[in-house]
């Protein structure tokens, strides 16, 4: 019964997992760290954006973009990886932008 209650509690909080961050531990004496996505090396204390649109430091990364969670029904969204952002537009006319009522992340 305890496990069922825990599973229900976790499922009820899935909506909070849209904004993503993770942290990493630095080993004492490290002067450089490696980005887990691009495999590039960076000086401890620096910051960068990787090809997965994550804003990173040697101690972790977070989404570098907002993720819309509420848009009008006649609209749709697509992720533009070149600009690291979601584009929200009318379903029947991709040149017409739509408002975003709520977003998470960044």
C-alpha atoms as a PDB file:
ATOM      1  CA  UNK A   1       0.000   0.000   0.000  1.00  0.00           C
ATOM      2  CA  UNK A   2       2.903   2.359   0.792  1.00  0.00           C
ATOM      3  CA  UNK A   3       4.296   1.873  -2.715  1.00  0.00           C
ATOM      4  CA  UNK A   4       0.951   2.588  -4.339  1.00  0.00           C
ATOM      5  CA  UNK A   5       0.655   5.839  -2.385  1.00  0.00           C
ATOM      6  CA  UNK A   6       4.218   6.803  -3.363  1.00  0.00           C
ATOM      7  CA  UNK A   7       3.529   6.033  -7.037  1.00  0.00           C
ATOM      8  CA  UNK A   8       0.366   8.154  -6.984  1.00  0.00           C
ATOM      9  CA  UNK A   9       2.220  11.012  -5.294  1.00  0.00           C
ATOM     10  CA  UNK A  10       4.998  10.924  -7.892  1.00  0.00           C
ATOM     11  CA  UNK A  11       2.513  10.800 -10.781  1.00  0.00           C
ATOM     12  CA  UNK A  12       0.664  13.780  -9.342  1.00  0.00           C
ATOM     13  CA  UNK A  13       3.876  15.817  -9.499  1.00  0.00           C
ATOM     14  CA  UNK A  14       4.928  14.938 -13.071  1.00  0.00           C
ATOM     15  CA  UNK A  15       3.759  18.356 -14.257  1.00  0.00           C
ATOM     16  CA  UNK A  16       6.557  19.913 -12.182  1.00  0.00           C
ATOM     17  CA  UNK A  17       9.250  18.100 -14.152  1.00  0.00           C
ATOM     18  CA  UNK A  18       9.044  20.247 -17.293  1.00  0.00           C
ATOM     19  CA  UNK A  19      11.931  22.554 -16.361  1.00  0.00           C
ATOM     20  CA  UNK A  20      15.088  20.487 -16.215  1.00  0.00           C
ATOM     21  CA  UNK A  21      18.305  21.031 -14.317  1.00  0.00           C
ATOM     22  CA  UNK A  22      20.937  18.663 -13.071  1.00  0.00           C
ATOM     23  CA  UNK A  23      24.060  19.128 -11.026  1.00  0.00           C
ATOM     24  CA  UNK A  24      27.454  17.460 -11.010  1.00  0.00           C
ATOM     25  CA  UNK A  25      30.166  17.222  -8.400  1.00  0.00           C
ATOM     26  CA  UNK A  26      33.580  18.700  -9.065  1.00  0.00           C
ATOM     27  CA  UNK A  27      36.551  16.696  -7.889  1.00  0.00           C
ATOM     28  CA  UNK A  28      39.073  18.654  -5.817  1.00  0.00           C
ATOM     29  CA  UNK A  29      41.814  20.166  -7.961  1.00  0.00           C
ATOM     30  CA  UNK A  30      39.883  19.985 -11.253  1.00  0.00           C
ATOM     31  CA  UNK A  31      40.752  22.812 -13.656  1.00  0.00           C
ATOM     32  CA  UNK A  32      38.545  21.671 -16.571  1.00  0.00           C
ATOM     33  CA  UNK A  33      35.320  19.723 -17.029  1.00  0.00           C
ATOM     34  CA  UNK A  34      33.708  17.983 -19.982  1.00  0.00           C
ATOM     35  CA  UNK A  35      30.235  18.729 -21.340  1.00  0.00           C
ATOM     36  CA  UNK A  36      28.235  15.484 -21.259  1.00  0.00           C
ATOM     37  CA  UNK A  37      26.413  16.259 -24.527  1.00  0.00           C
ATOM     38  CA  UNK A  38      29.056  17.761 -26.811  1.00  0.00           C
ATOM     39  CA  UNK A  39      32.101  16.204 -25.137  1.00  0.00           C
ATOM     40  CA  UNK A  40      33.814  19.629 -25.198  1.00  0.00           C
ATOM     41  CA  UNK A  41      36.174  20.754 -22.423  1.00  0.00           C
ATOM     42  CA  UNK A  42      35.643  23.935 -20.399  1.00  0.00           C
ATOM     43  CA  UNK A  43      37.565  25.815 -17.709  1.00  0.00           C
ATOM     44  CA  UNK A  44      36.123  25.530 -14.198  1.00  0.00           C
ATOM     45  CA  UNK A  45      34.184  28.747 -13.539  1.00  0.00           C
ATOM     46  CA  UNK A  46      33.124  29.246 -17.171  1.00  0.00           C
ATOM     47  CA  UNK A  47      29.620  28.889 -18.613  1.00  0.00           C
ATOM     48  CA  UNK A  48      28.395  27.790 -22.044  1.00  0.00           C
ATOM     49  CA  UNK A  49      25.339  26.659 -24.020  1.00  0.00           C
ATOM     50  CA  UNK A  50      25.615  23.185 -25.540  1.00  0.00           C
ATOM     51  CA  UNK A  51      23.978  21.748 -28.662  1.00  0.00           C
ATOM     52  CA  UNK A  52      21.029  20.461 -26.578  1.00  0.00           C
ATOM     53  CA  UNK A  53      20.179  24.096 -25.667  1.00  0.00           C
ATOM     54  CA  UNK A  54      21.314  23.608 -22.077  1.00  0.00           C
ATOM     55  CA  UNK A  55      23.005  26.465 -20.186  1.00  0.00           C
ATOM     56  CA  UNK A  56      25.901  24.840 -18.360  1.00  0.00           C
ATOM     57  CA  UNK A  57      28.710  25.318 -15.891  1.00  0.00           C
ATOM     58  CA  UNK A  58      31.085  22.692 -14.577  1.00  0.00           C
ATOM     59  CA  UNK A  59      28.672  22.073 -11.691  1.00  0.00           C
ATOM     60  CA  UNK A  60      25.590  21.395 -13.829  1.00  0.00           C
ATOM     61  CA  UNK A  61      23.214  22.380 -16.613  1.00  0.00           C
ATOM     62  CA  UNK A  62      19.646  23.726 -16.940  1.00  0.00           C
ATOM     63  CA  UNK A  63      17.283  24.094 -19.875  1.00  0.00           C
ATOM     64  CA  UNK A  64      18.183  27.285 -21.737  1.00  0.00           C
ATOM     65  CA  UNK A  65      14.615  27.835 -22.938  1.00  0.00           C
ATOM     66  CA  UNK A  66      11.006  28.210 -21.818  1.00  0.00           C
ATOM     67  CA  UNK A  67       8.591  25.356 -22.580  1.00  0.00           C
ATOM     68  CA  UNK A  68       5.003  26.538 -23.222  1.00  0.00           C
ATOM     69  CA  UNK A  69       2.438  24.663 -21.139  1.00  0.00           C
ATOM     70  CA  UNK A  70      -0.680  26.608 -22.110  1.00  0.00           C
ATOM     71  CA  UNK A  71      -1.458  27.850 -25.616  1.00  0.00           C
ATOM     72  CA  UNK A  72      -4.751  28.434 -27.493  1.00  0.00           C
ATOM     73  CA  UNK A  73      -6.441  25.333 -28.950  1.00  0.00           C
ATOM     74  CA  UNK A  74      -6.050  26.580 -32.529  1.00  0.00           C
ATOM     75  CA  UNK A  75      -2.273  26.865 -32.123  1.00  0.00           C
ATOM     76  CA  UNK A  76       0.671  24.480 -32.111  1.00  0.00           C
ATOM     77  CA  UNK A  77       4.311  24.655 -31.085  1.00  0.00           C
ATOM     78  CA  UNK A  78       7.579  23.415 -32.529  1.00  0.00           C
ATOM     79  CA  UNK A  79      11.044  23.559 -31.021  1.00  0.00           C
ATOM     80  CA  UNK A  80      13.531  25.628 -33.042  1.00  0.00           C
ATOM     81  CA  UNK A  81      16.912  24.118 -32.123  1.00  0.00           C
ATOM     82  CA  UNK A  82      18.829  26.860 -33.947  1.00  0.00           C
ATOM     83  CA  UNK A  83      17.295  29.565 -31.706  1.00  0.00           C
ATOM     84  CA  UNK A  84      16.793  27.289 -28.650  1.00  0.00           C
ATOM     85  CA  UNK A  85      13.155  28.284 -28.297  1.00  0.00           C
ATOM     86  CA  UNK A  86       9.645  27.045 -28.937  1.00  0.00           C
ATOM     87  CA  UNK A  87       7.829  28.753 -31.801  1.00  0.00           C
ATOM     88  CA  UNK A  88       4.069  28.967 -31.235  1.00  0.00           C
ATOM     89  CA  UNK A  89       1.852  29.608 -34.266  1.00  0.00           C
ATOM     90  CA  UNK A  90      -1.608  29.003 -35.752  1.00  0.00           C
ATOM     91  CA  UNK A  91      -2.193  25.422 -36.903  1.00  0.00           C
ATOM     92  CA  UNK A  92      -3.586  26.569 -40.244  1.00  0.00           C
ATOM     93  CA  UNK A  93      -1.095  29.437 -40.806  1.00  0.00           C
ATOM     94  CA  UNK A  94       2.474  29.027 -39.589  1.00  0.00           C
ATOM     95  CA  UNK A  95       3.188  32.711 -40.263  1.00  0.00           C
ATOM     96  CA  UNK A  96       0.701  33.826 -37.577  1.00  0.00           C
ATOM     97  CA  UNK A  97       2.212  33.744 -34.070  1.00  0.00           C
ATOM     98  CA  UNK A  98       0.116  32.742 -31.054  1.00  0.00           C
ATOM     99  CA  UNK A  99       0.236  33.901 -27.444  1.00  0.00           C
ATOM    100  CA  UNK A 100       1.725  31.721 -24.729  1.00  0.00           C
ATOM    101  CA  UNK A 101      -0.354  31.855 -21.559  1.00  0.00           C
ATOM    102  CA  UNK A 102       1.987  29.834 -19.354  1.00  0.00           C
ATOM    103  CA  UNK A 103       5.490  28.364 -19.657  1.00  0.00           C
ATOM    104  CA  UNK A 104       8.046  26.585 -17.484  1.00  0.00           C
ATOM    105  CA  UNK A 105      11.813  26.384 -17.495  1.00  0.00           C
ATOM    106  CA  UNK A 106      14.789  28.656 -17.823  1.00  0.00           C
END
